[in-house]
Protein backbone atom coordinates (compact mmCIF):
# COMPACT_ATOMS: atom_id res chain seq x y z
CA UNK A 1 0.00 0.00 0.00
CA UNK A 2 1.47 3.34 -0.98
CA UNK A 3 1.58 6.39 1.27
CA UNK A 4 -1.30 8.14 -0.49
CA UNK A 5 -3.57 5.13 0.02
CA UNK A 6 -2.57 4.98 3.69
CA UNK A 7 -3.28 8.70 4.13
CA UNK A 8 -6.66 8.32 2.44
CA UNK A 9 -7.61 5.37 4.64
CA UNK A 10 -6.56 7.22 7.78
CA UNK A 11 -8.51 10.34 6.82
CA UNK A 12 -11.60 8.31 5.90
CA UNK A 13 -11.49 6.47 9.22
CA UNK A 14 -10.85 9.66 11.16
CA UNK A 15 -13.69 11.55 9.53
CA UNK A 16 -16.19 8.75 10.15
CA UNK A 17 -15.08 8.17 13.74
CA UNK A 18 -13.91 11.60 14.93
CA UNK A 19 -15.87 11.37 18.16
CA UNK A 20 -14.29 7.97 18.89
CA UNK A 21 -10.66 9.10 18.62
CA UNK A 22 -8.89 9.27 21.96
CA UNK A 23 -5.17 9.74 22.41
CA UNK A 24 -3.42 7.81 25.17
CA UNK A 25 0.09 8.11 26.55
CA UNK A 26 2.69 5.38 27.00
CA UNK A 27 1.63 4.59 30.59
CA UNK A 28 -1.87 3.63 29.44
CA UNK A 29 -0.51 1.78 26.39
CA UNK A 30 1.61 -0.34 28.71
CA UNK A 31 -1.40 -0.97 30.97
CA UNK A 32 -3.44 -2.20 27.99
CA UNK A 33 -0.82 -4.34 26.27
CA UNK A 34 1.19 -5.61 29.23
CA UNK A 35 4.50 -4.94 27.50
CA UNK A 36 7.45 -3.01 28.86
CA UNK A 37 8.41 0.37 27.39
CA UNK A 38 11.32 -1.12 25.46
CA UNK A 39 9.15 -3.98 24.15
CA UNK A 40 6.56 -1.49 22.87
CA UNK A 41 9.19 0.46 20.94
CA UNK A 42 10.84 -2.72 19.65
CA UNK A 43 7.47 -3.98 18.36
CA UNK A 44 6.88 -0.61 16.66
CA UNK A 45 10.23 -0.90 14.87
CA UNK A 46 9.27 -4.40 13.67
CA UNK A 47 5.88 -3.17 12.48
CA UNK A 48 4.09 -5.38 15.01
CA UNK A 49 2.53 -2.62 17.12
CA UNK A 50 0.68 0.63 16.31
CA UNK A 51 2.88 3.67 15.83
CA UNK A 52 2.31 6.74 17.99
CA UNK A 53 1.01 9.98 16.48
CA UNK A 54 3.22 13.06 16.73
CA UNK A 55 1.20 15.75 18.46
CA UNK A 56 3.54 18.69 18.94
CA UNK A 57 7.28 18.98 19.30
CA UNK A 58 8.50 15.80 20.98
CA UNK A 59 5.02 14.94 22.27
CA UNK A 60 3.37 11.79 20.94
CA UNK A 61 0.45 9.57 21.85
CA UNK A 62 -1.29 6.46 20.57
CA UNK A 63 -4.84 6.15 19.27
CA UNK A 64 -6.60 4.05 21.90
CA UNK A 65 -8.75 2.12 19.42
CA UNK A 66 -5.63 1.02 17.49
CA UNK A 67 -3.99 -0.33 20.65
CA UNK A 68 -7.21 -2.10 21.62
CA UNK A 69 -7.49 -3.56 18.11
CA UNK A 70 -3.92 -4.86 18.43
CA UNK A 71 -4.90 -6.53 21.73
CA UNK A 72 -7.93 -8.19 20.12
CA UNK A 73 -5.73 -9.50 17.29
CA UNK A 74 -3.32 -10.98 19.85
CA UNK A 75 -6.21 -12.71 21.62
CA UNK A 76 -7.55 -14.13 18.35
CA UNK A 77 -4.10 -15.37 17.31
CA UNK A 78 -3.62 -16.99 20.72
CA UNK A 79 -6.98 -18.74 20.53
CA UNK A 80 -6.22 -20.03 17.02
CA UNK A 81 -2.88 -21.41 18.25
CA UNK A 82 -4.63 -23.20 21.15
CA UNK A 83 -7.15 -24.82 18.82
CA UNK A 84 -4.51 -26.21 16.47
C-alpha atoms as a PDB file:
ATOM      1  CA  UNK A   1       0.000   0.000   0.000  1.00  0.00           C
ATOM      2  CA  UNK A   2       1.466   3.344  -0.981  1.00  0.00           C
ATOM      3  CA  UNK A   3       1.584   6.390   1.273  1.00  0.00           C
ATOM      4  CA  UNK A   4      -1.301   8.137  -0.494  1.00  0.00           C
ATOM      5  CA  UNK A   5      -3.569   5.130   0.024  1.00  0.00           C
ATOM      6  CA  UNK A   6      -2.568   4.982   3.686  1.00  0.00           C
ATOM      7  CA  UNK A   7      -3.277   8.697   4.130  1.00  0.00           C
ATOM      8  CA  UNK A   8      -6.660   8.316   2.435  1.00  0.00           C
ATOM      9  CA  UNK A   9      -7.611   5.366   4.637  1.00  0.00           C
ATOM     10  CA  UNK A  10      -6.556   7.223   7.781  1.00  0.00           C
ATOM     11  CA  UNK A  11      -8.513  10.340   6.818  1.00  0.00           C
ATOM     12  CA  UNK A  12     -11.600   8.305   5.895  1.00  0.00           C
ATOM     13  CA  UNK A  13     -11.490   6.469   9.220  1.00  0.00           C
ATOM     14  CA  UNK A  14     -10.849   9.658  11.163  1.00  0.00           C
ATOM     15  CA  UNK A  15     -13.693  11.547   9.527  1.00  0.00           C
ATOM     16  CA  UNK A  16     -16.194   8.752  10.155  1.00  0.00           C
ATOM     17  CA  UNK A  17     -15.082   8.167  13.745  1.00  0.00           C
ATOM     18  CA  UNK A  18     -13.909  11.600  14.928  1.00  0.00           C
ATOM     19  CA  UNK A  19     -15.874  11.365  18.159  1.00  0.00           C
ATOM     20  CA  UNK A  20     -14.291   7.968  18.885  1.00  0.00           C
ATOM     21  CA  UNK A  21     -10.659   9.103  18.624  1.00  0.00           C
ATOM     22  CA  UNK A  22      -8.892   9.274  21.960  1.00  0.00           C
ATOM     23  CA  UNK A  23      -5.169   9.738  22.414  1.00  0.00           C
ATOM     24  CA  UNK A  24      -3.424   7.812  25.173  1.00  0.00           C
ATOM     25  CA  UNK A  25       0.089   8.108  26.548  1.00  0.00           C
ATOM     26  CA  UNK A  26       2.686   5.385  27.004  1.00  0.00           C
ATOM     27  CA  UNK A  27       1.634   4.587  30.588  1.00  0.00           C
ATOM     28  CA  UNK A  28      -1.871   3.632  29.439  1.00  0.00           C
ATOM     29  CA  UNK A  29      -0.512   1.782  26.389  1.00  0.00           C
ATOM     30  CA  UNK A  30       1.614  -0.344  28.714  1.00  0.00           C
ATOM     31  CA  UNK A  31      -1.401  -0.970  30.972  1.00  0.00           C
ATOM     32  CA  UNK A  32      -3.444  -2.200  27.988  1.00  0.00           C
ATOM     33  CA  UNK A  33      -0.817  -4.336  26.267  1.00  0.00           C
ATOM     34  CA  UNK A  34       1.191  -5.610  29.232  1.00  0.00           C
ATOM     35  CA  UNK A  35       4.504  -4.937  27.502  1.00  0.00           C
ATOM     36  CA  UNK A  36       7.452  -3.008  28.858  1.00  0.00           C
ATOM     37  CA  UNK A  37       8.407   0.370  27.394  1.00  0.00           C
ATOM     38  CA  UNK A  38      11.318  -1.122  25.460  1.00  0.00           C
ATOM     39  CA  UNK A  39       9.150  -3.984  24.152  1.00  0.00           C
ATOM     40  CA  UNK A  40       6.563  -1.495  22.870  1.00  0.00           C
ATOM     41  CA  UNK A  41       9.187   0.461  20.938  1.00  0.00           C
ATOM     42  CA  UNK A  42      10.841  -2.724  19.649  1.00  0.00           C
ATOM     43  CA  UNK A  43       7.473  -3.976  18.362  1.00  0.00           C
ATOM     44  CA  UNK A  44       6.875  -0.609  16.663  1.00  0.00           C
ATOM     45  CA  UNK A  45      10.235  -0.905  14.875  1.00  0.00           C
ATOM     46  CA  UNK A  46       9.273  -4.404  13.672  1.00  0.00           C
ATOM     47  CA  UNK A  47       5.882  -3.166  12.484  1.00  0.00           C
ATOM     48  CA  UNK A  48       4.094  -5.376  15.012  1.00  0.00           C
ATOM     49  CA  UNK A  49       2.533  -2.623  17.122  1.00  0.00           C
ATOM     50  CA  UNK A  50       0.681   0.625  16.312  1.00  0.00           C
ATOM     51  CA  UNK A  51       2.884   3.671  15.833  1.00  0.00           C
ATOM     52  CA  UNK A  52       2.314   6.740  17.992  1.00  0.00           C
ATOM     53  CA  UNK A  53       1.008   9.978  16.485  1.00  0.00           C
ATOM     54  CA  UNK A  54       3.219  13.062  16.729  1.00  0.00           C
ATOM     55  CA  UNK A  55       1.197  15.751  18.458  1.00  0.00           C
ATOM     56  CA  UNK A  56       3.542  18.692  18.940  1.00  0.00           C
ATOM     57  CA  UNK A  57       7.284  18.984  19.301  1.00  0.00           C
ATOM     58  CA  UNK A  58       8.496  15.805  20.976  1.00  0.00           C
ATOM     59  CA  UNK A  59       5.021  14.942  22.268  1.00  0.00           C
ATOM     60  CA  UNK A  60       3.369  11.795  20.940  1.00  0.00           C
ATOM     61  CA  UNK A  61       0.446   9.566  21.852  1.00  0.00           C
ATOM     62  CA  UNK A  62      -1.293   6.460  20.568  1.00  0.00           C
ATOM     63  CA  UNK A  63      -4.836   6.149  19.270  1.00  0.00           C
ATOM     64  CA  UNK A  64      -6.600   4.048  21.895  1.00  0.00           C
ATOM     65  CA  UNK A  65      -8.747   2.124  19.415  1.00  0.00           C
ATOM     66  CA  UNK A  66      -5.634   1.023  17.486  1.00  0.00           C
ATOM     67  CA  UNK A  67      -3.989  -0.325  20.645  1.00  0.00           C
ATOM     68  CA  UNK A  68      -7.210  -2.097  21.618  1.00  0.00           C
ATOM     69  CA  UNK A  69      -7.495  -3.556  18.109  1.00  0.00           C
ATOM     70  CA  UNK A  70      -3.920  -4.862  18.434  1.00  0.00           C
ATOM     71  CA  UNK A  71      -4.899  -6.533  21.731  1.00  0.00           C
ATOM     72  CA  UNK A  72      -7.931  -8.190  20.119  1.00  0.00           C
ATOM     73  CA  UNK A  73      -5.732  -9.505  17.288  1.00  0.00           C
ATOM     74  CA  UNK A  74      -3.323 -10.978  19.853  1.00  0.00           C
ATOM     75  CA  UNK A  75      -6.209 -12.708  21.615  1.00  0.00           C
ATOM     76  CA  UNK A  76      -7.546 -14.134  18.348  1.00  0.00           C
ATOM     77  CA  UNK A  77      -4.099 -15.373  17.313  1.00  0.00           C
ATOM     78  CA  UNK A  78      -3.616 -16.985  20.718  1.00  0.00           C
ATOM     79  CA  UNK A  79      -6.984 -18.738  20.527  1.00  0.00           C
ATOM     80  CA  UNK A  80      -6.217 -20.031  17.022  1.00  0.00           C
ATOM     81  CA  UNK A  81      -2.880 -21.410  18.252  1.00  0.00           C
ATOM     82  CA  UNK A  82      -4.625 -23.202  21.151  1.00  0.00           C
ATOM     83  CA  UNK A  83      -7.153 -24.818  18.817  1.00  0.00           C
ATOM     84  CA  UNK A  84      -4.505 -26.213  16.473  1.00  0.00           C
END
